Amino acid sequence: MARKVIVQNKEDGEYLKTKLFAISSKIELIPGSGVDIEKFKASKEAKENQLKKKLGIAPDTVVLTFVSRLIRQKGIEELLTAMKELSTSSYSNQVALTVVGDVDTFNPHSVGADIFERNVPNVFFLRERNDIQSILEDSDGFILPTYYREGIPRSILEAMSMSMPIISTNVPGCNAVVKNGVNGYMIEPRDSEKIKEAIIQLLSADRLSMGDESRKIIEENYSVEKINYQYLNLYNSIL
């Protein structure tokens, strides 16, 4: 029998207590798995945006990045719908989306491989990559409209550590780190219209200040040193 059960957000702790009748004293909240804040740190030096150059994106276009397994619960379908609607609006030349991730073949909720053949204007499918840090460095914002029950998404934590504004959904985990109007926008899940509205808001927002707030939240609460310290303290307390 487990002596302690670690959860990454308070909602999961409440679920264990109310639905699975777990003993409250056994539940420990340790938020996230920690981020290497020195590795995931935005450069302050002015440089040419290689991502925009390689993809043929105009220098003044706002680039949002989505990083995830391509399963429906991550909100990819709603995000593509929002981008398609934006492409027929007055904002069509103001925003682009890069999608980083591959289909999860063995997951019943995976989108089909034909997603890469969809011709959605201003959407670039980068597939699976091993240079996430450089992609984030060249992006202007991060978006994950998930309705998957997250712990705390590592992709969001890494993007925040890179001083990025975030658009995400009001679901457990995400709502612990995204402060609406402070370091990004929190929207309701499964709603392409709300995604579109949040993107439009971000286009005119002070993205640099929001990114600074993201970095501050990570430094104060989610660095790998601080998270590991909490784990070590817990383990030492039960030895």
C-alpha atoms as a PDB file:
ATOM      1  CA  MET A   1       0.000   0.000   0.000  1.00  0.00           C
ATOM      2  CA  ALA A   2       1.319   3.437  -0.935  1.00  0.00           C
ATOM      3  CA  ARG A   3       2.420   5.628   1.941  1.00  0.00           C
ATOM      4  CA  LYS A   4       2.081   8.808  -0.119  1.00  0.00           C
ATOM      5  CA  VAL A   5       0.358   9.722  -3.380  1.00  0.00           C
ATOM      6  CA  ILE A   6       1.820  12.685  -5.276  1.00  0.00           C
ATOM      7  CA  VAL A   7      -0.435  14.879  -7.408  1.00  0.00           C
ATOM      8  CA  GLN A   8       0.559  17.850  -9.551  1.00  0.00           C
ATOM      9  CA  ASN A   9      -2.559  19.948  -9.084  1.00  0.00           C
ATOM     10  CA  LYS A  10      -5.116  20.446  -6.346  1.00  0.00           C
ATOM     11  CA  GLU A  11      -8.041  19.215  -8.461  1.00  0.00           C
ATOM     12  CA  ASP A  12      -6.459  15.770  -8.768  1.00  0.00           C
ATOM     13  CA  GLY A  13      -6.027  15.693  -5.001  1.00  0.00           C
ATOM     14  CA  GLU A  14      -9.690  16.513  -4.488  1.00  0.00           C
ATOM     15  CA  TYR A  15     -10.668  13.859  -7.028  1.00  0.00           C
ATOM     16  CA  LEU A  16      -8.707  11.214  -5.130  1.00  0.00           C
ATOM     17  CA  LYS A  17     -10.369  12.209  -1.875  1.00  0.00           C
ATOM     18  CA  THR A  18     -13.963  12.542  -3.054  1.00  0.00           C
ATOM     19  CA  LYS A  19     -14.195   9.949  -5.826  1.00  0.00           C
ATOM     20  CA  LEU A  20     -11.655   7.316  -4.811  1.00  0.00           C
ATOM     21  CA  PHE A  21     -11.892   7.919  -1.052  1.00  0.00           C
ATOM     22  CA  ALA A  22      -8.159   8.333  -0.621  1.00  0.00           C
ATOM     23  CA  ILE A  23      -6.931   9.316   2.826  1.00  0.00           C
ATOM     24  CA  SER A  24      -6.194  13.049   2.833  1.00  0.00           C
ATOM     25  CA  SER A  25      -2.976  12.706   4.839  1.00  0.00           C
ATOM     26  CA  LYS A  26      -1.507  10.474   2.131  1.00  0.00           C
ATOM     27  CA  ILE A  27      -1.963  13.016  -0.659  1.00  0.00           C
ATOM     28  CA  GLU A  28       0.914  15.375  -1.374  1.00  0.00           C
ATOM     29  CA  LEU A  29       0.795  18.224  -3.882  1.00  0.00           C
ATOM     30  CA  ILE A  30       4.029  18.864  -5.777  1.00  0.00           C
ATOM     31  CA  PRO A  31       3.306  21.162  -8.720  1.00  0.00           C
ATOM     32  CA  GLY A  32       4.782  19.845 -11.943  1.00  0.00           C
ATOM     33  CA  SER A  33       8.013  18.042 -12.709  1.00  0.00           C
ATOM     34  CA  GLY A  34      10.249  21.112 -12.777  1.00  0.00           C
ATOM     35  CA  VAL A  35      11.959  22.993 -15.588  1.00  0.00           C
ATOM     36  CA  ASP A  36      15.634  23.598 -16.252  1.00  0.00           C
ATOM     37  CA  ILE A  37      15.355  27.374 -16.225  1.00  0.00           C
ATOM     38  CA  GLU A  38      18.898  27.855 -17.505  1.00  0.00           C
ATOM     39  CA  LYS A  39      18.344  25.641 -20.543  1.00  0.00           C
ATOM     40  CA  PHE A  40      14.885  27.048 -21.270  1.00  0.00           C
ATOM     41  CA  LYS A  41      15.793  30.712 -21.130  1.00  0.00           C
ATOM     42  CA  ALA A  42      15.096  33.250 -23.848  1.00  0.00           C
ATOM     43  CA  SER A  43      18.027  35.141 -25.261  1.00  0.00           C
ATOM     44  CA  LYS A  44      17.882  38.891 -24.808  1.00  0.00           C
ATOM     45  CA  GLU A  45      20.080  39.485 -27.821  1.00  0.00           C
ATOM     46  CA  ALA A  46      18.451  40.732 -31.014  1.00  0.00           C
ATOM     47  CA  LYS A  47      18.787  38.153 -33.785  1.00  0.00           C
ATOM     48  CA  GLU A  48      17.260  37.128 -37.050  1.00  0.00           C
ATOM     49  CA  ASN A  49      14.201  34.917 -36.664  1.00  0.00           C
ATOM     50  CA  GLN A  50      15.272  31.733 -38.418  1.00  0.00           C
ATOM     51  CA  LEU A  51      11.894  30.041 -38.032  1.00  0.00           C
ATOM     52  CA  LYS A  52      10.058  32.761 -39.920  1.00  0.00           C
ATOM     53  CA  LYS A  53      12.770  32.882 -42.539  1.00  0.00           C
ATOM     54  CA  LYS A  54      12.668  29.103 -43.167  1.00  0.00           C
ATOM     55  CA  LEU A  55       8.865  28.994 -43.352  1.00  0.00           C
ATOM     56  CA  GLY A  56       8.506  32.143 -45.439  1.00  0.00           C
ATOM     57  CA  ILE A  57       6.558  33.988 -42.736  1.00  0.00           C
ATOM     58  CA  ALA A  58       6.583  37.778 -42.812  1.00  0.00           C
ATOM     59  CA  PRO A  59       8.752  39.354 -40.085  1.00  0.00           C
ATOM     60  CA  ASP A  60       5.838  41.212 -38.478  1.00  0.00           C
ATOM     61  CA  THR A  61       3.533  38.162 -38.333  1.00  0.00           C
ATOM     62  CA  VAL A  62       2.836  36.836 -34.824  1.00  0.00           C
ATOM     63  CA  VAL A  63       3.818  33.161 -34.640  1.00  0.00           C
ATOM     64  CA  LEU A  64       2.053  30.924 -32.127  1.00  0.00           C
ATOM     65  CA  THR A  65       3.386  27.452 -31.388  1.00  0.00           C
ATOM     66  CA  PHE A  66       1.495  24.329 -30.329  1.00  0.00           C
ATOM     67  CA  VAL A  67       3.551  21.402 -28.962  1.00  0.00           C
ATOM     68  CA  SER A  68       1.813  18.126 -28.156  1.00  0.00           C
ATOM     69  CA  ARG A  69       0.921  14.626 -29.180  1.00  0.00           C
ATOM     70  CA  LEU A  70      -1.731  14.984 -31.849  1.00  0.00           C
ATOM     71  CA  ILE A  71      -4.724  13.582 -30.022  1.00  0.00           C
ATOM     72  CA  ARG A  72      -8.138  15.211 -30.080  1.00  0.00           C
ATOM     73  CA  GLN A  73      -8.180  15.983 -26.350  1.00  0.00           C
ATOM     74  CA  LYS A  74      -5.289  18.392 -26.818  1.00  0.00           C
ATOM     75  CA  GLY A  75      -7.659  20.681 -28.726  1.00  0.00           C
ATOM     76  CA  ILE A  76      -5.894  20.466 -32.075  1.00  0.00           C
ATOM     77  CA  GLU A  77      -9.122  20.227 -34.104  1.00  0.00           C
ATOM     78  CA  GLU A  78     -10.634  23.291 -32.459  1.00  0.00           C
ATOM     79  CA  LEU A  79      -7.358  25.159 -32.916  1.00  0.00           C
ATOM     80  CA  LEU A  80      -7.252  24.400 -36.633  1.00  0.00           C
ATOM     81  CA  THR A  81     -10.863  25.522 -36.959  1.00  0.00           C
ATOM     82  CA  ALA A  82     -10.002  28.815 -35.268  1.00  0.00           C
ATOM     83  CA  MET A  83      -7.018  29.333 -37.567  1.00  0.00           C
ATOM     84  CA  LYS A  84      -9.142  28.607 -40.636  1.00  0.00           C
ATOM     85  CA  GLU A  85     -11.683  31.212 -39.541  1.00  0.00           C
ATOM     86  CA  LEU A  86      -8.935  33.754 -38.884  1.00  0.00           C
ATOM     87  CA  SER A  87      -7.587  33.169 -42.385  1.00  0.00           C
ATOM     88  CA  THR A  88     -10.787  34.588 -43.850  1.00  0.00           C
ATOM     89  CA  SER A  89     -10.846  37.608 -41.546  1.00  0.00           C
ATOM     90  CA  SER A  90      -8.984  40.900 -41.388  1.00  0.00           C
ATOM     91  CA  TYR A  91      -6.401  39.153 -39.187  1.00  0.00           C
ATOM     92  CA  SER A  92      -5.384  36.685 -41.901  1.00  0.00           C
ATOM     93  CA  ASN A  93      -1.891  38.116 -42.388  1.00  0.00           C
ATOM     94  CA  GLN A  94      -1.246  38.878 -38.727  1.00  0.00           C
ATOM     95  CA  VAL A  95      -0.900  35.404 -37.229  1.00  0.00           C
ATOM     96  CA  ALA A  96       0.622  32.026 -38.086  1.00  0.00           C
ATOM     97  CA  LEU A  97       0.674  28.725 -36.221  1.00  0.00           C
ATOM     98  CA  THR A  98       3.399  26.101 -36.017  1.00  0.00           C
ATOM     99  CA  VAL A  99       2.277  22.635 -34.917  1.00  0.00           C
ATOM    100  CA  VAL A 100       5.004  20.517 -33.337  1.00  0.00           C
ATOM    101  CA  GLY A 101       4.152  16.876 -32.702  1.00  0.00           C
ATOM    102  CA  ASP A 102       3.179  13.668 -34.419  1.00  0.00           C
ATOM    103  CA  VAL A 103       0.087  11.487 -34.481  1.00  0.00           C
ATOM    104  CA  ASP A 104      -0.127   9.032 -31.591  1.00  0.00           C
ATOM    105  CA  THR A 105      -0.765   5.932 -33.682  1.00  0.00           C
ATOM    106  CA  PHE A 106      -1.719   3.621 -30.824  1.00  0.00           C
ATOM    107  CA  ASN A 107      -4.051   6.070 -29.090  1.00  0.00           C
ATOM    108  CA  PRO A 108      -7.749   5.628 -30.006  1.00  0.00           C
ATOM    109  CA  HIS A 109      -8.191   9.390 -29.726  1.00  0.00           C
ATOM    110  CA  SER A 110      -5.390  10.201 -32.164  1.00  0.00           C
ATOM    111  CA  VAL A 111      -6.127  12.371 -35.163  1.00  0.00           C
ATOM    112  CA  GLY A 112      -5.457  10.745 -38.517  1.00  0.00           C
ATOM    113  CA  ALA A 113      -2.166  11.091 -40.366  1.00  0.00           C
ATOM    114  CA  ASP A 114      -4.064  13.033 -43.018  1.00  0.00           C
ATOM    115  CA  ILE A 115      -3.909  16.020 -40.685  1.00  0.00           C
ATOM    116  CA  PHE A 116      -0.550  16.831 -42.267  1.00  0.00           C
ATOM    117  CA  GLU A 117      -2.221  17.127 -45.657  1.00  0.00           C
ATOM    118  CA  ARG A 118      -4.758  19.701 -44.565  1.00  0.00           C
ATOM    119  CA  ASN A 119      -4.327  22.981 -46.321  1.00  0.00           C
ATOM    120  CA  VAL A 120      -5.140  25.363 -43.486  1.00  0.00           C
ATOM    121  CA  PRO A 121      -3.790  28.827 -44.336  1.00  0.00           C
ATOM    122  CA  ASN A 122      -0.960  30.071 -42.111  1.00  0.00           C
ATOM    123  CA  VAL A 123      -0.577  26.698 -40.353  1.00  0.00           C
ATOM    124  CA  PHE A 124       2.768  24.909 -40.572  1.00  0.00           C
ATOM    125  CA  PHE A 125       3.101  21.281 -39.470  1.00  0.00           C
ATOM    126  CA  LEU A 126       6.646  20.720 -38.221  1.00  0.00           C
ATOM    127  CA  ARG A 127       6.001  17.125 -37.118  1.00  0.00           C
ATOM    128  CA  GLU A 128       8.156  15.671 -34.321  1.00  0.00           C
ATOM    129  CA  ARG A 129      11.215  17.792 -33.568  1.00  0.00           C
ATOM    130  CA  ASN A 130      14.220  17.709 -31.258  1.00  0.00           C
ATOM    131  CA  ASP A 131      14.871  21.462 -31.353  1.00  0.00           C
ATOM    132  CA  ILE A 132      11.895  22.637 -29.289  1.00  0.00           C
ATOM    133  CA  GLN A 133      13.943  25.263 -27.501  1.00  0.00           C
ATOM    134  CA  SER A 134      14.933  27.040 -30.723  1.00  0.00           C
ATOM    135  CA  ILE A 135      11.360  26.872 -32.042  1.00  0.00           C
ATOM    136  CA  LEU A 136      10.068  28.458 -28.844  1.00  0.00           C
ATOM    137  CA  GLU A 137      12.833  31.063 -29.052  1.00  0.00           C
ATOM    138  CA  ASP A 138      11.543  32.157 -32.458  1.00  0.00           C
ATOM    139  CA  SER A 139       7.846  32.074 -31.510  1.00  0.00           C
ATOM    140  CA  ASP A 140       5.779  34.939 -30.156  1.00  0.00           C
ATOM    141  CA  GLY A 141       3.346  32.922 -28.054  1.00  0.00           C
ATOM    142  CA  PHE A 142       2.400  29.406 -27.019  1.00  0.00           C
ATOM    143  CA  ILE A 143      -1.038  27.829 -27.335  1.00  0.00           C
ATOM    144  CA  LEU A 144      -2.413  24.582 -25.905  1.00  0.00           C
ATOM    145  CA  PRO A 145      -6.244  24.480 -25.925  1.00  0.00           C
ATOM    146  CA  THR A 146      -6.324  21.114 -24.202  1.00  0.00           C
ATOM    147  CA  TYR A 147      -9.253  19.403 -22.543  1.00  0.00           C
ATOM    148  CA  TYR A 148      -7.115  16.419 -21.606  1.00  0.00           C
ATOM    149  CA  ARG A 149      -6.856  16.003 -17.841  1.00  0.00           C
ATOM    150  CA  GLU A 150      -3.327  17.279 -17.354  1.00  0.00           C
ATOM    151  CA  GLY A 151      -1.027  17.195 -14.352  1.00  0.00           C
ATOM    152  CA  ILE A 152       0.730  20.396 -15.310  1.00  0.00           C
ATOM    153  CA  PRO A 153       1.730  20.270 -18.985  1.00  0.00           C
ATOM    154  CA  ARG A 154       5.502  20.332 -19.296  1.00  0.00           C
ATOM    155  CA  SER A 155       5.147  22.021 -22.689  1.00  0.00           C
ATOM    156  CA  ILE A 156       3.482  25.013 -21.030  1.00  0.00           C
ATOM    157  CA  LEU A 157       6.092  25.169 -18.272  1.00  0.00           C
ATOM    158  CA  GLU A 158       8.939  25.146 -20.798  1.00  0.00           C
ATOM    159  CA  ALA A 159       7.256  27.842 -22.902  1.00  0.00           C
ATOM    160  CA  MET A 160       6.738  29.982 -19.803  1.00  0.00           C
ATOM    161  CA  SER A 161      10.372  29.513 -18.862  1.00  0.00           C
ATOM    162  CA  MET A 162      11.203  30.876 -22.332  1.00  0.00           C
ATOM    163  CA  SER A 163       9.291  34.067 -21.422  1.00  0.00           C
ATOM    164  CA  MET A 164       6.297  33.365 -23.627  1.00  0.00           C
ATOM    165  CA  PRO A 165       2.660  34.458 -23.227  1.00  0.00           C
ATOM    166  CA  ILE A 166       0.327  31.465 -23.043  1.00  0.00           C
ATOM    167  CA  ILE A 167      -3.151  30.680 -24.318  1.00  0.00           C
ATOM    168  CA  SER A 168      -4.627  27.632 -22.638  1.00  0.00           C
ATOM    169  CA  THR A 169      -7.821  26.255 -21.150  1.00  0.00           C
ATOM    170  CA  ASN A 170      -9.476  26.266 -17.774  1.00  0.00           C
ATOM    171  CA  VAL A 171      -8.681  22.645 -16.936  1.00  0.00           C
ATOM    172  CA  PRO A 172      -6.745  21.167 -13.998  1.00  0.00           C
ATOM    173  CA  GLY A 173      -3.053  21.901 -14.261  1.00  0.00           C
ATOM    174  CA  CYS A 174      -3.256  24.584 -16.925  1.00  0.00           C
ATOM    175  CA  ASN A 175      -5.323  26.858 -14.702  1.00  0.00           C
ATOM    176  CA  ALA A 176      -2.627  26.652 -12.028  1.00  0.00           C
ATOM    177  CA  VAL A 177      -0.012  28.411 -14.144  1.00  0.00           C
ATOM    178  CA  VAL A 178      -1.858  30.604 -16.664  1.00  0.00           C
ATOM    179  CA  LYS A 179      -3.174  33.792 -15.101  1.00  0.00           C
ATOM    180  CA  ASN A 180      -5.808  35.348 -17.319  1.00  0.00           C
ATOM    181  CA  GLY A 181      -4.711  38.738 -18.597  1.00  0.00           C
ATOM    182  CA  VAL A 182      -1.394  38.516 -16.730  1.00  0.00           C
ATOM    183  CA  ASN A 183       0.797  35.988 -18.524  1.00  0.00           C
ATOM    184  CA  GLY A 184      -1.726  34.981 -21.164  1.00  0.00           C
ATOM    185  CA  TYR A 185      -5.354  34.044 -21.604  1.00  0.00           C
ATOM    186  CA  MET A 186      -7.422  31.287 -20.033  1.00  0.00           C
ATOM    187  CA  ILE A 187     -10.395  30.086 -22.072  1.00  0.00           C
ATOM    188  CA  GLU A 188     -13.040  27.416 -21.800  1.00  0.00           C
ATOM    189  CA  PRO A 189     -12.191  24.106 -23.502  1.00  0.00           C
ATOM    190  CA  ARG A 190     -13.658  22.696 -26.736  1.00  0.00           C
ATOM    191  CA  ASP A 191     -14.545  26.117 -28.120  1.00  0.00           C
ATOM    192  CA  SER A 192     -12.926  27.225 -31.388  1.00  0.00           C
ATOM    193  CA  GLU A 193     -14.614  30.619 -31.155  1.00  0.00           C
ATOM    194  CA  LYS A 194     -12.997  31.305 -27.778  1.00  0.00           C
ATOM    195  CA  ILE A 195      -9.628  30.204 -29.163  1.00  0.00           C
ATOM    196  CA  LYS A 196     -10.030  32.670 -32.018  1.00  0.00           C
ATOM    197  CA  GLU A 197     -10.988  35.468 -29.636  1.00  0.00           C
ATOM    198  CA  ALA A 198      -7.985  34.784 -27.399  1.00  0.00           C
ATOM    199  CA  ILE A 199      -5.619  34.822 -30.375  1.00  0.00           C
ATOM    200  CA  ILE A 200      -7.036  38.175 -31.497  1.00  0.00           C
ATOM    201  CA  GLN A 201      -6.565  39.533 -27.972  1.00  0.00           C
ATOM    202  CA  LEU A 202      -2.967  38.349 -27.918  1.00  0.00           C
ATOM    203  CA  LEU A 203      -2.195  40.080 -31.214  1.00  0.00           C
ATOM    204  CA  SER A 204      -2.669  43.501 -29.621  1.00  0.00           C
ATOM    205  CA  ALA A 205      -1.505  42.613 -26.104  1.00  0.00           C
ATOM    206  CA  ASP A 206       1.805  43.530 -24.484  1.00  0.00           C
ATOM    207  CA  ARG A 207       3.305  40.120 -25.212  1.00  0.00           C
ATOM    208  CA  LEU A 208       6.724  41.008 -23.811  1.00  0.00           C
ATOM    209  CA  SER A 209       5.280  41.927 -20.415  1.00  0.00           C
ATOM    210  CA  MET A 210       3.138  38.791 -20.397  1.00  0.00           C
ATOM    211  CA  GLY A 211       6.214  36.738 -21.228  1.00  0.00           C
ATOM    212  CA  ASP A 212       8.118  38.343 -18.372  1.00  0.00           C
ATOM    213  CA  GLU A 213       5.275  37.361 -16.024  1.00  0.00           C
ATOM    214  CA  SER A 214       5.474  33.778 -17.305  1.00  0.00           C
ATOM    215  CA  ARG A 215       9.199  33.644 -16.579  1.00  0.00           C
ATOM    216  CA  LYS A 216       8.664  35.100 -13.110  1.00  0.00           C
ATOM    217  CA  ILE A 217       6.064  32.430 -12.261  1.00  0.00           C
ATOM    218  CA  ILE A 218       8.460  29.676 -13.336  1.00  0.00           C
ATOM    219  CA  GLU A 219      11.445  31.092 -11.449  1.00  0.00           C
ATOM    220  CA  GLU A 220       9.422  31.471  -8.263  1.00  0.00           C
ATOM    221  CA  ASN A 221       7.609  28.137  -8.299  1.00  0.00           C
ATOM    222  CA  TYR A 222       8.601  25.627 -10.975  1.00  0.00           C
ATOM    223  CA  SER A 223      12.370  25.494 -11.398  1.00  0.00           C
ATOM    224  CA  VAL A 224      13.730  21.948 -11.344  1.00  0.00           C
ATOM    225  CA  GLU A 225      15.769  22.785  -8.233  1.00  0.00           C
ATOM    226  CA  LYS A 226      12.692  23.869  -6.267  1.00  0.00           C
ATOM    227  CA  ILE A 227      10.570  20.933  -7.417  1.00  0.00           C
ATOM    228  CA  ASN A 228      13.316  18.378  -6.754  1.00  0.00           C
ATOM    229  CA  TYR A 229      13.796  19.864  -3.285  1.00  0.00           C
ATOM    230  CA  GLN A 230      10.130  19.186  -2.536  1.00  0.00           C
ATOM    231  CA  TYR A 231      10.457  15.577  -3.715  1.00  0.00           C
ATOM    232  CA  LEU A 232      13.587  15.009  -1.629  1.00  0.00           C
ATOM    233  CA  ASN A 233      11.939  16.497   1.447  1.00  0.00           C
ATOM    234  CA  LEU A 234       8.940  14.225   0.998  1.00  0.00           C
ATOM    235  CA  TYR A 235      11.058  11.104   0.506  1.00  0.00           C
ATOM    236  CA  ASN A 236      13.192  11.936   3.529  1.00  0.00           C
ATOM    237  CA  SER A 237      10.090  12.453   5.661  1.00  0.00           C
ATOM    238  CA  ILE A 238       8.832   8.917   5.017  1.00  0.00           C
ATOM    239  CA  LEU A 239      12.107   7.008   5.260  1.00  0.00           C
END
